[in-house]
Protein backbone atom coordinates (compact mmCIF):
# COMPACT_ATOMS: atom_id res chain seq x y z
CA MET A 1 36.48 16.41 40.05
CA SER A 2 33.35 16.91 37.91
CA LYS A 3 33.02 18.08 33.71
CA MET A 4 30.69 20.39 32.58
CA TYR A 5 28.55 18.99 29.51
CA ASN A 6 26.17 21.35 27.37
CA VAL A 7 23.21 19.70 25.87
CA ARG A 8 20.22 20.82 23.82
CA ILE A 9 17.36 18.90 24.39
CA PRO A 10 13.98 19.22 23.54
CA ASP A 11 11.28 21.72 25.38
CA GLU A 12 9.30 18.90 26.63
CA LEU A 13 12.00 17.48 28.37
CA ALA A 14 12.83 20.73 29.83
CA ASP A 15 9.92 21.54 30.80
CA LYS A 16 9.62 17.81 32.93
CA VAL A 17 13.05 18.52 34.21
CA GLU A 18 12.00 21.87 36.10
CA GLU A 19 8.68 20.23 37.49
CA ILE A 20 10.47 17.81 39.09
CA ALA A 21 13.52 19.43 40.16
CA GLU A 22 10.51 22.17 41.83
CA GLU A 23 8.33 19.53 43.25
CA LEU A 24 11.85 17.41 44.69
CA ASP A 25 13.18 21.16 45.72
CA ARG A 26 16.38 20.23 43.52
CA SER A 27 18.57 21.70 41.40
CA LYS A 28 17.96 21.10 37.47
CA SER A 29 21.74 19.98 37.44
CA TYR A 30 20.96 17.41 40.04
CA ILE A 31 17.87 16.04 38.33
CA VAL A 32 19.98 15.41 35.02
CA LYS A 33 23.10 13.95 36.74
CA LYS A 34 20.41 11.43 38.95
CA ALA A 35 18.85 10.82 35.51
CA LEU A 36 22.23 9.66 33.76
CA GLU A 37 23.22 7.64 36.85
CA GLU A 38 20.53 5.96 36.62
CA TYR A 39 20.70 5.09 32.70
CA ALA A 40 24.44 4.42 33.23
CA SER A 41 23.44 2.00 35.52
CA GLU A 42 20.52 0.37 33.68
CA TYR A 43 22.72 0.70 30.17
CA ALA A 44 25.64 -1.42 32.08
CA ASP A 45 23.17 -4.16 33.87
CA GLY A 46 21.75 -4.74 29.94
CA LEU A 47 25.18 -5.37 28.35
CA ILE A 48 25.98 -7.38 31.18
CA ALA A 49 22.93 -9.54 30.41
CA LEU A 50 23.32 -9.16 26.34
CA LYS A 51 27.11 -10.87 27.19
CA ARG A 52 25.60 -13.48 29.47
CA SER A 53 23.09 -14.31 26.73
CA LYS A 54 25.42 -15.10 24.13
CA ASP A 55 27.92 -17.20 26.37
CA LYS A 56 27.37 -20.85 25.66
CA ASN A 57 29.34 -21.89 29.26
CA ASP A 58 26.98 -19.92 31.10
CA LYS A 59 24.44 -22.02 32.62
CA ILE A 60 21.09 -20.09 33.05
CA ILE A 61 18.77 -22.04 35.38
CA THR A 62 14.98 -21.70 35.94
CA LEU A 63 13.18 -19.83 38.76
CA LYS A 64 12.11 -22.96 40.22
CA GLU A 65 16.04 -24.27 40.06
CA MET A 66 16.59 -20.95 42.04
CA ARG A 67 14.16 -21.33 44.63
CA LYS A 68 15.36 -24.84 45.36
CA LYS A 69 19.49 -23.86 45.65
CA PHE A 70 18.51 -20.87 48.21
CA GLY A 71 16.18 -22.49 49.70
CA ILE A 72 13.22 -20.28 48.93
């Protein structure tokens, strides 16, 4: 099931969405949906990183330590 949202976007952004949709031979709805999926994923990753950075019990290791641990 899906829901419909009505949003207003600036003309410049609408033009970019149209250009991308035409170039990829996809609908504007598809382009907007994919953009929102990517944004939501990145936002969630950012929240996880922020929470971890504030957690005093979450050990932070250096890149050198990580490479040693994984044998890289």
